All heavy atoms as atom14 arrays in JSON, in Angstrom:
{
  "sequence": "GIFYPYINHSATRLIGVEAAGEGLDSGKHSASIQRGS",
  "atom14_mask": [
    [1, 1, 1, 1, 0, 0, 0, 0, 0, 0, 0, 0, 0, 0],
    [1, 1, 1, 1, 1, 1, 1, 1, 0, 0, 0, 0, 0, 0],
    [1, 1, 1, 1, 1, 1, 1, 1, 1, 1, 1, 0, 0, 0],
    [1, 1, 1, 1, 1, 1, 1, 1, 1, 1, 1, 1, 0, 0],
    [1, 1, 1, 1, 1, 1, 1, 0, 0, 0, 0, 0, 0, 0],
    [1, 1, 1, 1, 1, 1, 1, 1, 1, 1, 1, 1, 0, 0],
    [1, 1, 1, 1, 1, 1, 1, 1, 0, 0, 0, 0, 0, 0],
    [1, 1, 1, 1, 1, 1, 1, 1, 0, 0, 0, 0, 0, 0],
    [1, 1, 1, 1, 1, 1, 1, 1, 1, 1, 0, 0, 0, 0],
    [1, 1, 1, 1, 1, 1, 0, 0, 0, 0, 0, 0, 0, 0],
    [1, 1, 1, 1, 1, 0, 0, 0, 0, 0, 0, 0, 0, 0],
    [1, 1, 1, 1, 1, 1, 1, 0, 0, 0, 0, 0, 0, 0],
    [1, 1, 1, 1, 1, 1, 1, 1, 1, 1, 1, 0, 0, 0],
    [1, 1, 1, 1, 1, 1, 1, 1, 0, 0, 0, 0, 0, 0],
    [1, 1, 1, 1, 1, 1, 1, 1, 0, 0, 0, 0, 0, 0],
    [1, 1, 1, 1, 0, 0, 0, 0, 0, 0, 0, 0, 0, 0],
    [1, 1, 1, 1, 1, 1, 1, 0, 0, 0, 0, 0, 0, 0],
    [1, 1, 1, 1, 1, 1, 1, 1, 1, 0, 0, 0, 0, 0],
    [1, 1, 1, 1, 1, 0, 0, 0, 0, 0, 0, 0, 0, 0],
    [1, 1, 1, 1, 1, 0, 0, 0, 0, 0, 0, 0, 0, 0],
    [1, 1, 1, 1, 0, 0, 0, 0, 0, 0, 0, 0, 0, 0],
    [1, 1, 1, 1, 1, 1, 1, 1, 1, 0, 0, 0, 0, 0],
    [1, 1, 1, 1, 0, 0, 0, 0, 0, 0, 0, 0, 0, 0],
    [1, 1, 1, 1, 1, 1, 1, 1, 0, 0, 0, 0, 0, 0],
    [1, 1, 1, 1, 1, 1, 1, 1, 0, 0, 0, 0, 0, 0],
    [1, 1, 1, 1, 1, 1, 0, 0, 0, 0, 0, 0, 0, 0],
    [1, 1, 1, 1, 0, 0, 0, 0, 0, 0, 0, 0, 0, 0],
    [1, 1, 1, 1, 1, 1, 1, 1, 1, 0, 0, 0, 0, 0],
    [1, 1, 1, 1, 1, 1, 1, 1, 1, 1, 0, 0, 0, 0],
    [1, 1, 1, 1, 1, 1, 0, 0, 0, 0, 0, 0, 0, 0],
    [1, 1, 1, 1, 1, 0, 0, 0, 0, 0, 0, 0, 0, 0],
    [1, 1, 1, 1, 1, 1, 0, 0, 0, 0, 0, 0, 0, 0],
    [1, 1, 1, 1, 1, 1, 1, 1, 0, 0, 0, 0, 0, 0],
    [1, 1, 1, 1, 1, 1, 1, 1, 1, 0, 0, 0, 0, 0],
    [1, 1, 1, 1, 1, 1, 1, 1, 1, 1, 1, 0, 0, 0],
    [1, 1, 1, 1, 0, 0, 0, 0, 0, 0, 0, 0, 0, 0],
    [1, 1, 1, 1, 1, 1, 0, 0, 0, 0, 0, 0, 0, 0]
  ],
  "atom14_positions": [
    [[106.68, 80.79, 104.05], [106.76, 82.15, 103.56], [108.0, 82.88, 104.05], [108.61, 83.66, 103.32], [0.0, 0.0, 0.0], [0.0, 0.0, 0.0], [0.0, 0.0, 0.0], [0.0, 0.0, 0.0], [0.0, 0.0, 0.0], [0.0, 0.0, 0.0], [0.0, 0.0, 0.0], [0.0, 0.0, 0.0], [0.0, 0.0, 0.0], [0.0, 0.0, 0.0]],
    [[108.39, 82.63, 105.31], [109.58, 83.28, 105.83], [110.82, 82.43, 105.59], [111.93, 82.96, 105.41], [109.41, 83.63, 107.33], [110.45, 84.68, 107.75], [109.47, 82.39, 108.22], [110.17, 85.31, 109.1], [0.0, 0.0, 0.0], [0.0, 0.0, 0.0], [0.0, 0.0, 0.0], [0.0, 0.0, 0.0], [0.0, 0.0, 0.0], [0.0, 0.0, 0.0]],
    [[110.69, 81.1, 105.54], [111.85, 80.22, 105.33], [112.4, 80.31, 103.91], [113.62, 80.33, 103.71], [111.47, 78.76, 105.58], [111.33, 78.34, 107.02], [111.5, 79.25, 108.06], [111.03, 77.02, 107.35], [111.35, 78.85, 109.39], [110.88, 76.62, 108.66], [111.04, 77.53, 109.68], [0.0, 0.0, 0.0], [0.0, 0.0, 0.0], [0.0, 0.0, 0.0]],
    [[111.52, 80.31, 102.92], [111.94, 80.09, 101.54], [113.04, 81.07, 101.09], [114.06, 80.63, 100.55], [110.73, 80.15, 100.61], [111.04, 79.85, 99.16], [111.61, 78.63, 98.79], [110.78, 80.78, 98.15], [111.91, 78.35, 97.46], [111.06, 80.5, 96.83], [111.63, 79.29, 96.5], [111.92, 79.02, 95.18], [0.0, 0.0, 0.0], [0.0, 0.0, 0.0]],
    [[112.9, 82.38, 101.31], [113.98, 83.28, 100.89], [115.27, 83.09, 101.68], [116.33, 83.56, 101.25], [113.38, 84.67, 101.14], [111.9, 84.46, 101.08], [111.7, 83.13, 101.74], [0.0, 0.0, 0.0], [0.0, 0.0, 0.0], [0.0, 0.0, 0.0], [0.0, 0.0, 0.0], [0.0, 0.0, 0.0], [0.0, 0.0, 0.0], [0.0, 0.0, 0.0]],
    [[115.2, 82.4, 102.81], [116.4, 82.17, 103.63], [117.07, 80.83, 103.38], [118.14, 80.56, 103.94], [116.05, 82.29, 105.12], [116.03, 83.71, 105.64], [114.84, 84.39, 105.85], [117.23, 84.38, 105.9], [114.83, 85.69, 106.32], [117.22, 85.69, 106.38], [116.03, 86.34, 106.57], [116.02, 87.64, 107.04], [0.0, 0.0, 0.0], [0.0, 0.0, 0.0]],
    [[116.49, 79.98, 102.57], [117.04, 78.63, 102.39], [118.49, 78.68, 101.9], [119.35, 77.91, 102.36], [116.16, 77.79, 101.44], [114.85, 77.44, 102.15], [116.88, 76.51, 101.0], [113.82, 76.73, 101.26], [0.0, 0.0, 0.0], [0.0, 0.0, 0.0], [0.0, 0.0, 0.0], [0.0, 0.0, 0.0], [0.0, 0.0, 0.0], [0.0, 0.0, 0.0]],
    [[118.78, 79.6, 101.0], [120.15, 79.7, 100.49], [121.09, 80.47, 101.41], [122.27, 80.62, 101.11], [120.15, 80.34, 99.1], [119.62, 79.38, 98.03], [119.77, 78.16, 98.13], [118.98, 79.92, 97.0], [0.0, 0.0, 0.0], [0.0, 0.0, 0.0], [0.0, 0.0, 0.0], [0.0, 0.0, 0.0], [0.0, 0.0, 0.0], [0.0, 0.0, 0.0]],
    [[120.59, 80.99, 102.51], [121.42, 81.65, 103.51], [121.81, 80.61, 104.57], [121.19, 80.49, 105.63], [120.67, 82.83, 104.15], [120.45, 83.99, 103.22], [121.16, 85.17, 103.32], [119.62, 84.13, 102.17], [120.77, 85.99, 102.37], [119.83, 85.4, 101.66], [0.0, 0.0, 0.0], [0.0, 0.0, 0.0], [0.0, 0.0, 0.0], [0.0, 0.0, 0.0]],
    [[122.86, 79.88, 104.28], [123.2, 78.7, 105.08], [123.55, 79.02, 106.53], [123.45, 78.14, 107.4], [124.36, 77.93, 104.42], [125.48, 78.78, 104.23], [0.0, 0.0, 0.0], [0.0, 0.0, 0.0], [0.0, 0.0, 0.0], [0.0, 0.0, 0.0], [0.0, 0.0, 0.0], [0.0, 0.0, 0.0], [0.0, 0.0, 0.0], [0.0, 0.0, 0.0]],
    [[123.96, 80.26, 106.82], [124.31, 80.61, 108.2], [123.08, 80.83, 109.08], [123.21, 80.94, 110.3], [125.18, 81.86, 108.21], [0.0, 0.0, 0.0], [0.0, 0.0, 0.0], [0.0, 0.0, 0.0], [0.0, 0.0, 0.0], [0.0, 0.0, 0.0], [0.0, 0.0, 0.0], [0.0, 0.0, 0.0], [0.0, 0.0, 0.0], [0.0, 0.0, 0.0]],
    [[121.91, 80.92, 108.48], [120.68, 81.14, 109.23], [119.95, 79.82, 109.48], [119.57, 79.14, 108.54], [119.74, 82.11, 108.48], [120.39, 83.38, 108.3], [118.44, 82.31, 109.23], [0.0, 0.0, 0.0], [0.0, 0.0, 0.0], [0.0, 0.0, 0.0], [0.0, 0.0, 0.0], [0.0, 0.0, 0.0], [0.0, 0.0, 0.0], [0.0, 0.0, 0.0]],
    [[119.78, 79.46, 110.75], [119.02, 78.26, 111.08], [117.53, 78.5, 110.82], [117.01, 79.59, 111.1], [119.21, 77.89, 112.56], [120.6, 77.45, 112.93], [120.75, 77.33, 114.45], [119.89, 76.28, 115.02], [119.7, 76.11, 116.33], [120.28, 76.93, 117.2], [118.92, 75.14, 116.78], [0.0, 0.0, 0.0], [0.0, 0.0, 0.0], [0.0, 0.0, 0.0]],
    [[116.86, 77.5, 110.3], [115.42, 77.56, 110.07], [114.76, 76.57, 111.01], [115.07, 75.37, 110.97], [115.08, 77.23, 108.62], [115.8, 78.08, 107.54], [115.39, 77.62, 106.15], [115.49, 79.57, 107.73], [0.0, 0.0, 0.0], [0.0, 0.0, 0.0], [0.0, 0.0, 0.0], [0.0, 0.0, 0.0], [0.0, 0.0, 0.0], [0.0, 0.0, 0.0]],
    [[113.87, 77.06, 111.88], [113.3, 76.21, 112.92], [111.77, 76.3, 112.88], [111.19, 77.35, 113.12], [113.81, 76.61, 114.32], [115.35, 76.6, 114.34], [113.25, 75.68, 115.39], [115.96, 77.18, 115.59], [0.0, 0.0, 0.0], [0.0, 0.0, 0.0], [0.0, 0.0, 0.0], [0.0, 0.0, 0.0], [0.0, 0.0, 0.0], [0.0, 0.0, 0.0]],
    [[111.14, 75.18, 112.55], [109.69, 75.1, 112.55], [109.2, 74.53, 113.87], [109.75, 73.56, 114.4], [0.0, 0.0, 0.0], [0.0, 0.0, 0.0], [0.0, 0.0, 0.0], [0.0, 0.0, 0.0], [0.0, 0.0, 0.0], [0.0, 0.0, 0.0], [0.0, 0.0, 0.0], [0.0, 0.0, 0.0], [0.0, 0.0, 0.0], [0.0, 0.0, 0.0]],
    [[108.15, 75.15, 114.41], [107.64, 74.77, 115.73], [106.28, 74.12, 115.58], [105.3, 74.76, 115.21], [107.55, 75.99, 116.66], [107.15, 75.54, 118.06], [108.88, 76.75, 116.7], [0.0, 0.0, 0.0], [0.0, 0.0, 0.0], [0.0, 0.0, 0.0], [0.0, 0.0, 0.0], [0.0, 0.0, 0.0], [0.0, 0.0, 0.0], [0.0, 0.0, 0.0]],
    [[106.22, 72.83, 115.87], [104.97, 72.08, 115.79], [104.25, 72.11, 117.14], [104.85, 72.39, 118.18], [105.24, 70.63, 115.38], [105.84, 70.49, 113.99], [105.9, 69.04, 113.54], [106.57, 68.22, 114.22], [105.3, 68.72, 112.51], [0.0, 0.0, 0.0], [0.0, 0.0, 0.0], [0.0, 0.0, 0.0], [0.0, 0.0, 0.0], [0.0, 0.0, 0.0]],
    [[102.96, 71.8, 117.09], [102.15, 71.77, 118.3], [102.36, 70.45, 119.03], [101.89, 69.4, 118.58], [100.68, 71.97, 117.95], [0.0, 0.0, 0.0], [0.0, 0.0, 0.0], [0.0, 0.0, 0.0], [0.0, 0.0, 0.0], [0.0, 0.0, 0.0], [0.0, 0.0, 0.0], [0.0, 0.0, 0.0], [0.0, 0.0, 0.0], [0.0, 0.0, 0.0]],
    [[103.06, 70.5, 120.16], [103.29, 69.29, 120.95], [102.12, 68.97, 121.86], [102.15, 67.93, 122.54], [104.57, 69.44, 121.78], [0.0, 0.0, 0.0], [0.0, 0.0, 0.0], [0.0, 0.0, 0.0], [0.0, 0.0, 0.0], [0.0, 0.0, 0.0], [0.0, 0.0, 0.0], [0.0, 0.0, 0.0], [0.0, 0.0, 0.0], [0.0, 0.0, 0.0]],
    [[101.09, 69.83, 121.88], [99.88, 69.56, 122.65], [100.15, 69.29, 124.11], [100.73, 70.09, 124.83], [0.0, 0.0, 0.0], [0.0, 0.0, 0.0], [0.0, 0.0, 0.0], [0.0, 0.0, 0.0], [0.0, 0.0, 0.0], [0.0, 0.0, 0.0], [0.0, 0.0, 0.0], [0.0, 0.0, 0.0], [0.0, 0.0, 0.0], [0.0, 0.0, 0.0]],
    [[99.76, 68.09, 124.55], [100.0, 67.68, 125.94], [101.32, 66.93, 126.08], [101.59, 66.32, 127.12], [98.82, 66.84, 126.43], [97.51, 67.62, 126.48], [96.33, 66.8, 126.97], [96.55, 65.67, 127.47], [95.19, 67.28, 126.86], [0.0, 0.0, 0.0], [0.0, 0.0, 0.0], [0.0, 0.0, 0.0], [0.0, 0.0, 0.0], [0.0, 0.0, 0.0]],
    [[102.14, 66.94, 125.05], [103.44, 66.27, 125.06], [103.59, 65.38, 123.83], [102.62, 64.76, 123.39], [0.0, 0.0, 0.0], [0.0, 0.0, 0.0], [0.0, 0.0, 0.0], [0.0, 0.0, 0.0], [0.0, 0.0, 0.0], [0.0, 0.0, 0.0], [0.0, 0.0, 0.0], [0.0, 0.0, 0.0], [0.0, 0.0, 0.0], [0.0, 0.0, 0.0]],
    [[104.8, 65.32, 123.29], [105.03, 64.56, 122.07], [104.76, 63.07, 122.24], [104.47, 62.37, 121.26], [106.47, 64.77, 121.58], [106.78, 66.16, 120.98], [108.26, 66.27, 120.66], [105.94, 66.41, 119.73], [0.0, 0.0, 0.0], [0.0, 0.0, 0.0], [0.0, 0.0, 0.0], [0.0, 0.0, 0.0], [0.0, 0.0, 0.0], [0.0, 0.0, 0.0]],
    [[104.85, 62.57, 123.45], [104.61, 61.15, 123.69], [103.25, 60.89, 124.34], [102.97, 59.76, 124.77], [105.73, 60.57, 124.57], [107.1, 60.66, 123.88], [107.17, 60.41, 122.66], [108.09, 61.01, 124.56], [0.0, 0.0, 0.0], [0.0, 0.0, 0.0], [0.0, 0.0, 0.0], [0.0, 0.0, 0.0], [0.0, 0.0, 0.0], [0.0, 0.0, 0.0]],
    [[102.41, 61.92, 124.37], [101.11, 61.78, 125.02], [100.04, 61.21, 124.1], [98.99, 60.75, 124.56], [100.63, 63.15, 125.52], [100.33, 63.99, 124.4], [0.0, 0.0, 0.0], [0.0, 0.0, 0.0], [0.0, 0.0, 0.0], [0.0, 0.0, 0.0], [0.0, 0.0, 0.0], [0.0, 0.0, 0.0], [0.0, 0.0, 0.0], [0.0, 0.0, 0.0]],
    [[100.29, 61.25, 122.81], [99.25, 60.88, 121.84], [98.3, 62.02, 121.55], [97.46, 61.92, 120.66], [0.0, 0.0, 0.0], [0.0, 0.0, 0.0], [0.0, 0.0, 0.0], [0.0, 0.0, 0.0], [0.0, 0.0, 0.0], [0.0, 0.0, 0.0], [0.0, 0.0, 0.0], [0.0, 0.0, 0.0], [0.0, 0.0, 0.0], [0.0, 0.0, 0.0]],
    [[98.45, 63.14, 122.26], [97.61, 64.32, 122.04], [98.47, 65.48, 121.59], [98.92, 66.31, 122.4], [96.84, 64.66, 123.32], [95.78, 63.63, 123.71], [94.96, 64.1, 124.89], [93.8, 63.16, 125.18], [92.97, 63.63, 126.31], [0.0, 0.0, 0.0], [0.0, 0.0, 0.0], [0.0, 0.0, 0.0], [0.0, 0.0, 0.0], [0.0, 0.0, 0.0]],
    [[98.75, 65.51, 120.29], [99.59, 66.55, 119.72], [99.3, 66.64, 118.22], [98.45, 65.9, 117.69], [101.07, 66.23, 119.94], [101.49, 64.9, 119.35], [101.72, 64.72, 118.01], [101.71, 63.7, 119.93], [102.05, 63.47, 117.78], [102.05, 62.81, 118.93], [0.0, 0.0, 0.0], [0.0, 0.0, 0.0], [0.0, 0.0, 0.0], [0.0, 0.0, 0.0]],
    [[100.0, 67.53, 117.53], [99.86, 67.67, 116.08], [101.23, 67.75, 115.42], [101.41, 68.48, 114.43], [99.03, 68.92, 115.75], [97.76, 68.88, 116.35], [0.0, 0.0, 0.0], [0.0, 0.0, 0.0], [0.0, 0.0, 0.0], [0.0, 0.0, 0.0], [0.0, 0.0, 0.0], [0.0, 0.0, 0.0], [0.0, 0.0, 0.0], [0.0, 0.0, 0.0]],
    [[102.17, 67.01, 115.95], [103.56, 67.07, 115.49], [103.81, 66.06, 114.37], [104.4, 64.99, 114.59], [104.51, 66.84, 116.66], [0.0, 0.0, 0.0], [0.0, 0.0, 0.0], [0.0, 0.0, 0.0], [0.0, 0.0, 0.0], [0.0, 0.0, 0.0], [0.0, 0.0, 0.0], [0.0, 0.0, 0.0], [0.0, 0.0, 0.0], [0.0, 0.0, 0.0]],
    [[103.4, 66.42, 113.16], [103.44, 65.47, 112.04], [104.85, 65.06, 111.65], [105.11, 63.9, 111.33], [102.72, 66.06, 110.82], [101.42, 66.47, 111.16], [0.0, 0.0, 0.0], [0.0, 0.0, 0.0], [0.0, 0.0, 0.0], [0.0, 0.0, 0.0], [0.0, 0.0, 0.0], [0.0, 0.0, 0.0], [0.0, 0.0, 0.0], [0.0, 0.0, 0.0]],
    [[105.78, 66.01, 111.65], [107.15, 65.69, 111.24], [107.86, 64.86, 112.31], [108.54, 63.89, 112.01], [107.93, 66.98, 110.92], [107.36, 67.63, 109.67], [109.42, 66.68, 110.74], [108.04, 68.93, 109.26], [0.0, 0.0, 0.0], [0.0, 0.0, 0.0], [0.0, 0.0, 0.0], [0.0, 0.0, 0.0], [0.0, 0.0, 0.0], [0.0, 0.0, 0.0]],
    [[107.68, 65.24, 113.56], [108.4, 64.56, 114.64], [107.82, 63.21, 115.03], [108.54, 62.34, 115.52], [108.44, 65.47, 115.88], [109.23, 66.76, 115.66], [109.01, 67.73, 116.79], [109.75, 67.74, 117.76], [107.98, 68.56, 116.67], [0.0, 0.0, 0.0], [0.0, 0.0, 0.0], [0.0, 0.0, 0.0], [0.0, 0.0, 0.0], [0.0, 0.0, 0.0]],
    [[106.52, 63.03, 114.83], [105.89, 61.78, 115.25], [105.09, 61.12, 114.13], [104.44, 60.1, 114.36], [104.97, 62.03, 116.44], [105.71, 62.37, 117.74], [106.52, 61.2, 118.23], [107.17, 61.47, 119.52], [108.35, 62.02, 119.66], [109.05, 62.39, 118.59], [108.88, 62.2, 120.85], [0.0, 0.0, 0.0], [0.0, 0.0, 0.0], [0.0, 0.0, 0.0]],
    [[105.15, 61.63, 112.92], [104.42, 61.06, 111.81], [105.3, 60.18, 110.94], [106.47, 59.93, 111.23], [0.0, 0.0, 0.0], [0.0, 0.0, 0.0], [0.0, 0.0, 0.0], [0.0, 0.0, 0.0], [0.0, 0.0, 0.0], [0.0, 0.0, 0.0], [0.0, 0.0, 0.0], [0.0, 0.0, 0.0], [0.0, 0.0, 0.0], [0.0, 0.0, 0.0]],
    [[104.74, 59.7, 109.85], [105.46, 58.88, 108.88], [104.94, 59.23, 107.49], [103.83, 59.74, 107.35], [105.26, 57.38, 109.17], [103.87, 57.06, 109.21], [0.0, 0.0, 0.0], [0.0, 0.0, 0.0], [0.0, 0.0, 0.0], [0.0, 0.0, 0.0], [0.0, 0.0, 0.0], [0.0, 0.0, 0.0], [0.0, 0.0, 0.0], [0.0, 0.0, 0.0]]
  ]
}
């Protein structure tokens, strides 16, 4: 909702924050983009 109108504003970084839970390498997280396929 907040990213979409900014996609064409190339000078603005868009940063999504996933739930790393107990750590990205712990197996207890919800980081689908960073640790999914």
